[in-house]
Amino acid sequence: MGTDEELDLDTSFFDLGLTALRLSELRKRLERLLGVAIDETALFNQPRSPPSSAASPG
Protein backbone atom coordinates (compact mmCIF):
# COMPACT_ATOMS: atom_id res chain seq x y z
CA MET A 1 0.00 0.00 0.00
CA GLY A 2 1.44 3.33 -1.05
CA THR A 3 1.19 6.46 1.02
CA ASP A 4 -1.14 8.20 -1.43
CA GLU A 5 -3.74 5.41 -1.50
CA GLU A 6 -7.04 5.66 0.35
CA LEU A 7 -7.32 3.49 3.45
CA ASP A 8 -10.59 1.68 4.05
CA LEU A 9 -11.35 2.22 7.74
CA ASP A 10 -13.11 -1.16 7.89
CA THR A 11 -9.91 -3.02 6.97
CA SER A 12 -8.36 -4.78 9.95
CA PHE A 13 -4.75 -4.24 10.89
CA PHE A 14 -4.11 -7.91 10.17
CA ASP A 15 -5.61 -7.58 6.66
CA LEU A 16 -3.19 -4.70 6.12
CA GLY A 17 -0.37 -7.16 6.75
CA LEU A 18 0.48 -6.23 10.32
CA THR A 19 1.64 -9.06 12.57
CA ALA A 20 1.34 -9.29 16.35
CA LEU A 21 4.92 -8.04 16.64
CA ARG A 22 4.20 -5.04 14.39
CA LEU A 23 1.06 -4.22 16.39
CA SER A 24 3.16 -4.18 19.57
CA GLU A 25 5.65 -1.85 17.88
CA LEU A 26 2.80 0.36 16.66
CA ARG A 27 1.38 0.55 20.19
CA LYS A 28 4.76 1.63 21.57
CA ARG A 29 5.19 4.30 18.88
CA LEU A 30 1.68 5.63 19.49
CA GLU A 31 2.36 5.80 23.23
CA ARG A 32 5.51 7.84 22.61
CA LEU A 33 3.85 10.15 20.08
CA LEU A 34 0.64 10.69 22.03
CA GLY A 35 2.15 10.64 25.50
CA VAL A 36 -0.50 8.26 26.84
CA ALA A 37 -0.46 4.61 27.87
CA ILE A 38 -2.27 2.21 25.56
CA ASP A 39 -3.46 -1.12 26.91
CA GLU A 40 -1.37 -3.96 25.50
CA THR A 41 -4.46 -5.76 24.22
CA ALA A 42 -6.23 -2.71 22.76
CA LEU A 43 -5.08 -3.20 19.17
CA PHE A 44 -5.84 -6.92 19.33
CA ASN A 45 -9.29 -6.49 20.85
CA GLN A 46 -10.13 -3.69 18.42
CA PRO A 47 -8.16 -4.68 15.30
CA ARG A 48 -9.75 -2.04 13.07
CA SER A 49 -9.12 1.66 12.96
CA PRO A 50 -11.75 3.76 14.77
CA PRO A 51 -14.53 5.45 12.80
CA SER A 52 -13.42 8.85 11.55
CA SER A 53 -15.93 10.54 13.87
CA ALA A 54 -14.27 8.87 16.88
CA ALA A 55 -10.83 9.97 15.70
CA SER A 56 -11.84 13.60 15.20
CA PRO A 57 -11.76 15.91 18.19
CA GLY A 58 -14.90 17.70 19.26
PDB file of N, CA and C in Angstrom:
ATOM      1  N   MET A   1       0.846  -1.184   0.000  1.00  0.00           N
ATOM      2  CA  MET A   1       0.000   0.000   0.000  1.00  0.00           C
ATOM      3  C   MET A   1       0.885   1.238   0.000  1.00  0.00           C
ATOM      4  N   GLY A   2       0.683   2.092  -0.960  1.00  0.00           N
ATOM      5  CA  GLY A   2       1.443   3.334  -1.054  1.00  0.00           C
ATOM      6  C   GLY A   2       0.878   4.391  -0.121  1.00  0.00           C
ATOM      7  N   THR A   3       1.623   5.430   0.087  1.00  0.00           N
ATOM      8  CA  THR A   3       1.190   6.462   1.015  1.00  0.00           C
ATOM      9  C   THR A   3       0.077   7.340   0.458  1.00  0.00           C
ATOM     10  N   ASP A   4      -0.108   7.343  -0.853  1.00  0.00           N
ATOM     11  CA  ASP A   4      -1.140   8.196  -1.426  1.00  0.00           C
ATOM     12  C   ASP A   4      -2.430   7.437  -1.734  1.00  0.00           C
ATOM     13  N   GLU A   5      -2.524   6.188  -1.291  1.00  0.00           N
ATOM     14  CA  GLU A   5      -3.737   5.407  -1.501  1.00  0.00           C
ATOM     15  C   GLU A   5      -4.725   5.645  -0.362  1.00  0.00           C
ATOM     16  N   GLU A   6      -6.014   5.536  -0.675  1.00  0.00           N
ATOM     17  CA  GLU A   6      -7.044   5.655   0.349  1.00  0.00           C
ATOM     18  C   GLU A   6      -7.030   4.407   1.226  1.00  0.00           C
ATOM     19  N   LEU A   7      -7.268   4.593   2.496  1.00  0.00           N
ATOM     20  CA  LEU A   7      -7.320   3.493   3.450  1.00  0.00           C
ATOM     21  C   LEU A   7      -8.765   3.260   3.840  1.00  0.00           C
ATOM     22  N   ASP A   8      -9.238   2.041   3.641  1.00  0.00           N
ATOM     23  CA  ASP A   8     -10.587   1.680   4.048  1.00  0.00           C
ATOM     24  C   ASP A   8     -10.584   1.484   5.556  1.00  0.00           C
ATOM     25  N   LEU A   9     -11.357   2.271   6.290  1.00  0.00           N
ATOM     26  CA  LEU A   9     -11.354   2.224   7.743  1.00  0.00           C
ATOM     27  C   LEU A   9     -11.936   0.930   8.297  1.00  0.00           C
ATOM     28  N   ASP A  10     -12.579   0.117   7.452  1.00  0.00           N
ATOM     29  CA  ASP A  10     -13.111  -1.162   7.892  1.00  0.00           C
ATOM     30  C   ASP A  10     -12.109  -2.295   7.719  1.00  0.00           C
ATOM     31  N   THR A  11     -10.945  -2.004   7.165  1.00  0.00           N
ATOM     32  CA  THR A  11      -9.915  -3.018   6.972  1.00  0.00           C
ATOM     33  C   THR A  11      -9.177  -3.231   8.284  1.00  0.00           C
ATOM     34  N   SER A  12      -9.047  -4.496   8.677  1.00  0.00           N
ATOM     35  CA  SER A  12      -8.364  -4.777   9.946  1.00  0.00           C
ATOM     36  C   SER A  12      -6.868  -4.594   9.791  1.00  0.00           C
ATOM     37  N   PHE A  13      -6.204  -4.378  10.907  1.00  0.00           N
ATOM     38  CA  PHE A  13      -4.754  -4.242  10.894  1.00  0.00           C
ATOM     39  C   PHE A  13      -4.097  -5.496  10.328  1.00  0.00           C
ATOM     40  N   PHE A  14      -4.668  -6.665  10.657  1.00  0.00           N
ATOM     41  CA  PHE A  14      -4.107  -7.915  10.174  1.00  0.00           C
ATOM     42  C   PHE A  14      -4.265  -8.032   8.657  1.00  0.00           C
ATOM     43  N   ASP A  15      -5.408  -7.566   8.115  1.00  0.00           N
ATOM     44  CA  ASP A  15      -5.610  -7.576   6.662  1.00  0.00           C
ATOM     45  C   ASP A  15      -4.659  -6.619   5.961  1.00  0.00           C
ATOM     46  N   LEU A  16      -4.175  -5.627   6.672  1.00  0.00           N
ATOM     47  CA  LEU A  16      -3.187  -4.699   6.116  1.00  0.00           C
ATOM     48  C   LEU A  16      -1.782  -5.285   6.139  1.00  0.00           C
ATOM     49  N   GLY A  17      -1.647  -6.480   6.726  1.00  0.00           N
ATOM     50  CA  GLY A  17      -0.366  -7.155   6.748  1.00  0.00           C
ATOM     51  C   GLY A  17       0.409  -7.008   8.042  1.00  0.00           C
ATOM     52  N   LEU A  18      -0.211  -6.391   9.048  1.00  0.00           N
ATOM     53  CA  LEU A  18       0.476  -6.235  10.324  1.00  0.00           C
ATOM     54  C   LEU A  18       0.436  -7.537  11.115  1.00  0.00           C
ATOM     55  N   THR A  19       1.545  -7.883  11.726  1.00  0.00           N
ATOM     56  CA  THR A  19       1.638  -9.065  12.569  1.00  0.00           C
ATOM     57  C   THR A  19       1.497  -8.633  14.027  1.00  0.00           C
ATOM     58  N   ALA A  20       1.435  -9.597  14.931  1.00  0.00           N
ATOM     59  CA  ALA A  20       1.342  -9.286  16.353  1.00  0.00           C
ATOM     60  C   ALA A  20       2.546  -8.463  16.798  1.00  0.00           C
ATOM     61  N   LEU A  21       3.717  -8.791  16.286  1.00  0.00           N
ATOM     62  CA  LEU A  21       4.920  -8.037  16.643  1.00  0.00           C
ATOM     63  C   LEU A  21       4.810  -6.596  16.156  1.00  0.00           C
ATOM     64  N   ARG A  22       4.351  -6.399  14.941  1.00  0.00           N
ATOM     65  CA  ARG A  22       4.198  -5.042  14.393  1.00  0.00           C
ATOM     66  C   ARG A  22       3.147  -4.246  15.167  1.00  0.00           C
ATOM     67  N   LEU A  23       2.067  -4.918  15.597  1.00  0.00           N
ATOM     68  CA  LEU A  23       1.059  -4.215  16.388  1.00  0.00           C
ATOM     69  C   LEU A  23       1.639  -3.757  17.721  1.00  0.00           C
ATOM     70  N   SER A  24       2.500  -4.575  18.315  1.00  0.00           N
ATOM     71  CA  SER A  24       3.161  -4.176  19.567  1.00  0.00           C
ATOM     72  C   SER A  24       4.068  -2.978  19.329  1.00  0.00           C
ATOM     73  N   GLU A  25       4.789  -2.990  18.218  1.00  0.00           N
ATOM     74  CA  GLU A  25       5.651  -1.855  17.885  1.00  0.00           C
ATOM     75  C   GLU A  25       4.822  -0.607  17.615  1.00  0.00           C
ATOM     76  N   LEU A  26       3.697  -0.768  16.930  1.00  0.00           N
ATOM     77  CA  LEU A  26       2.799   0.357  16.660  1.00  0.00           C
ATOM     78  C   LEU A  26       2.278   0.947  17.967  1.00  0.00           C
ATOM     79  N   ARG A  27       1.880   0.089  18.897  1.00  0.00           N
ATOM     80  CA  ARG A  27       1.383   0.554  20.193  1.00  0.00           C
ATOM     81  C   ARG A  27       2.443   1.382  20.906  1.00  0.00           C
ATOM     82  N   LYS A  28       3.675   0.904  20.906  1.00  0.00           N
ATOM     83  CA  LYS A  28       4.761   1.631  21.575  1.00  0.00           C
ATOM     84  C   LYS A  28       5.016   2.987  20.920  1.00  0.00           C
ATOM     85  N   ARG A  29       4.986   3.022  19.589  1.00  0.00           N
ATOM     86  CA  ARG A  29       5.194   4.295  18.881  1.00  0.00           C
ATOM     87  C   ARG A  29       4.064   5.272  19.185  1.00  0.00           C
ATOM     88  N   LEU A  30       2.817   4.766  19.189  1.00  0.00           N
ATOM     89  CA  LEU A  30       1.678   5.629  19.490  1.00  0.00           C
ATOM     90  C   LEU A  30       1.771   6.171  20.910  1.00  0.00           C
ATOM     91  N   GLU A  31       2.200   5.331  21.850  1.00  0.00           N
ATOM     92  CA  GLU A  31       2.363   5.795  23.229  1.00  0.00           C
ATOM     93  C   GLU A  31       3.369   6.934  23.303  1.00  0.00           C
ATOM     94  N   ARG A  32       4.491   6.783  22.599  1.00  0.00           N
ATOM     95  CA  ARG A  32       5.513   7.844  22.610  1.00  0.00           C
ATOM     96  C   ARG A  32       4.996   9.115  21.949  1.00  0.00           C
ATOM     97  N   LEU A  33       4.341   8.979  20.809  1.00  0.00           N
ATOM     98  CA  LEU A  33       3.848  10.145  20.082  1.00  0.00           C
ATOM     99  C   LEU A  33       2.722  10.865  20.808  1.00  0.00           C
ATOM    100  N   LEU A  34       1.810  10.100  21.397  1.00  0.00           N
ATOM    101  CA  LEU A  34       0.639  10.692  22.034  1.00  0.00           C
ATOM    102  C   LEU A  34       0.862  11.021  23.504  1.00  0.00           C
ATOM    103  N   GLY A  35       1.871  10.391  24.098  1.00  0.00           N
ATOM    104  CA  GLY A  35       2.146  10.640  25.503  1.00  0.00           C
ATOM    105  C   GLY A  35       1.134  10.019  26.445  1.00  0.00           C
ATOM    106  N   VAL A  36       0.477   8.959  26.002  1.00  0.00           N
ATOM    107  CA  VAL A  36      -0.496   8.255  26.844  1.00  0.00           C
ATOM    108  C   VAL A  36      -0.208   6.765  26.785  1.00  0.00           C
ATOM    109  N   ALA A  37      -0.608   6.071  27.840  1.00  0.00           N
ATOM    110  CA  ALA A  37      -0.457   4.613  27.872  1.00  0.00           C
ATOM    111  C   ALA A  37      -1.600   3.965  27.096  1.00  0.00           C
ATOM    112  N   ILE A  38      -1.271   2.963  26.318  1.00  0.00           N
ATOM    113  CA  ILE A  38      -2.269   2.211  25.559  1.00  0.00           C
ATOM    114  C   ILE A  38      -2.227   0.773  26.050  1.00  0.00           C
ATOM    115  N   ASP A  39      -3.373   0.247  26.423  1.00  0.00           N
ATOM    116  CA  ASP A  39      -3.459  -1.121  26.907  1.00  0.00           C
ATOM    117  C   ASP A  39      -2.842  -2.083  25.896  1.00  0.00           C
ATOM    118  N   GLU A  40      -2.070  -3.040  26.382  1.00  0.00           N
ATOM    119  CA  GLU A  40      -1.366  -3.964  25.498  1.00  0.00           C
ATOM    120  C   GLU A  40      -2.305  -4.740  24.587  1.00  0.00           C
ATOM    121  N   THR A  41      -3.524  -4.971  25.028  1.00  0.00           N
ATOM    122  CA  THR A  41      -4.459  -5.763  24.223  1.00  0.00           C
ATOM    123  C   THR A  41      -5.389  -4.908  23.359  1.00  0.00           C
ATOM    124  N   ALA A  42      -5.286  -3.595  23.456  1.00  0.00           N
ATOM    125  CA  ALA A  42      -6.228  -2.709  22.762  1.00  0.00           C
ATOM    126  C   ALA A  42      -6.261  -2.930  21.253  1.00  0.00           C
ATOM    127  N   LEU A  43      -5.110  -3.032  20.620  1.00  0.00           N
ATOM    128  CA  LEU A  43      -5.083  -3.198  19.165  1.00  0.00           C
ATOM    129  C   LEU A  43      -5.495  -4.602  18.734  1.00  0.00           C
ATOM    130  N   PHE A  44      -5.402  -5.563  19.652  1.00  0.00           N
ATOM    131  CA  PHE A  44      -5.842  -6.923  19.332  1.00  0.00           C
ATOM    132  C   PHE A  44      -7.341  -7.067  19.532  1.00  0.00           C
ATOM    133  N   ASN A  45      -7.860  -6.420  20.581  1.00  0.00           N
ATOM    134  CA  ASN A  45      -9.293  -6.489  20.855  1.00  0.00           C
ATOM    135  C   ASN A  45     -10.096  -5.634  19.884  1.00  0.00           C
ATOM    136  N   GLN A  46      -9.493  -4.605  19.360  1.00  0.00           N
ATOM    137  CA  GLN A  46     -10.132  -3.691  18.417  1.00  0.00           C
ATOM    138  C   GLN A  46      -9.215  -3.585  17.196  1.00  0.00           C
ATOM    139  N   PRO A  47      -9.165  -4.641  16.359  1.00  0.00           N
ATOM    140  CA  PRO A  47      -8.158  -4.684  15.297  1.00  0.00           C
ATOM    141  C   PRO A  47      -8.468  -3.824  14.074  1.00  0.00           C
ATOM    142  N   ARG A  48      -9.440  -2.953  14.173  1.00  0.00           N
ATOM    143  CA  ARG A  48      -9.755  -2.042  13.068  1.00  0.00           C
ATOM    144  C   ARG A  48      -9.539  -0.614  13.543  1.00  0.00           C
ATOM    145  N   SER A  49      -9.281   0.253  12.594  1.00  0.00           N
ATOM    146  CA  SER A  49      -9.122   1.658  12.964  1.00  0.00           C
ATOM    147  C   SER A  49     -10.477   2.201  13.408  1.00  0.00           C
ATOM    148  N   PRO A  50     -10.474   3.206  14.286  1.00  0.00           N
ATOM    149  CA  PRO A  50     -11.751   3.759  14.774  1.00  0.00           C
ATOM    150  C   PRO A  50     -12.468   4.504  13.664  1.00  0.00           C
ATOM    151  N   PRO A  51     -13.786   4.627  13.784  1.00  0.00           N
ATOM    152  CA  PRO A  51     -14.526   5.446  12.802  1.00  0.00           C
ATOM    153  C   PRO A  51     -13.961   6.858  12.786  1.00  0.00           C
ATOM    154  N   SER A  52     -14.024   7.514  11.667  1.00  0.00           N
ATOM    155  CA  SER A  52     -13.425   8.848  11.553  1.00  0.00           C
ATOM    156  C   SER A  52     -14.036   9.821  12.552  1.00  0.00           C
ATOM    157  N   SER A  53     -15.310   9.640  12.899  1.00  0.00           N
ATOM    158  CA  SER A  53     -15.932  10.536  13.867  1.00  0.00           C
ATOM    159  C   SER A  53     -15.327  10.351  15.250  1.00  0.00           C
ATOM    160  N   ALA A  54     -14.888   9.126  15.577  1.00  0.00           N
ATOM    161  CA  ALA A  54     -14.271   8.870  16.880  1.00  0.00           C
ATOM    162  C   ALA A  54     -12.861   9.414  16.920  1.00  0.00           C
ATOM    163  N   ALA A  55     -12.213   9.491  15.760  1.00  0.00           N
ATOM    164  CA  ALA A  55     -10.828   9.965  15.702  1.00  0.00           C
ATOM    165  C   ALA A  55     -10.748  11.486  15.657  1.00  0.00           C
ATOM    166  N   SER A  56     -11.840  12.144  15.317  1.00  0.00           N
ATOM    167  CA  SER A  56     -11.837  13.597  15.200  1.00  0.00           C
ATOM    168  C   SER A  56     -12.196  14.235  16.535  1.00  0.00           C
ATOM    169  N   PRO A  57     -11.424  15.225  16.949  1.00  0.00           N
ATOM    170  CA  PRO A  57     -11.761  15.914  18.191  1.00  0.00           C
ATOM    171  C   PRO A  57     -13.043  16.728  18.068  1.00  0.00           C
ATOM    172  N   GLY A  58     -13.768  16.814  19.157  1.00  0.00           N
ATOM    173  CA  GLY A  58     -14.901  17.701  19.257  1.00  0.00           C
ATOM    174  C   GLY A  58     -16.145  17.250  18.672  1.00  0.00           C
TER     175      GLY A  58
END
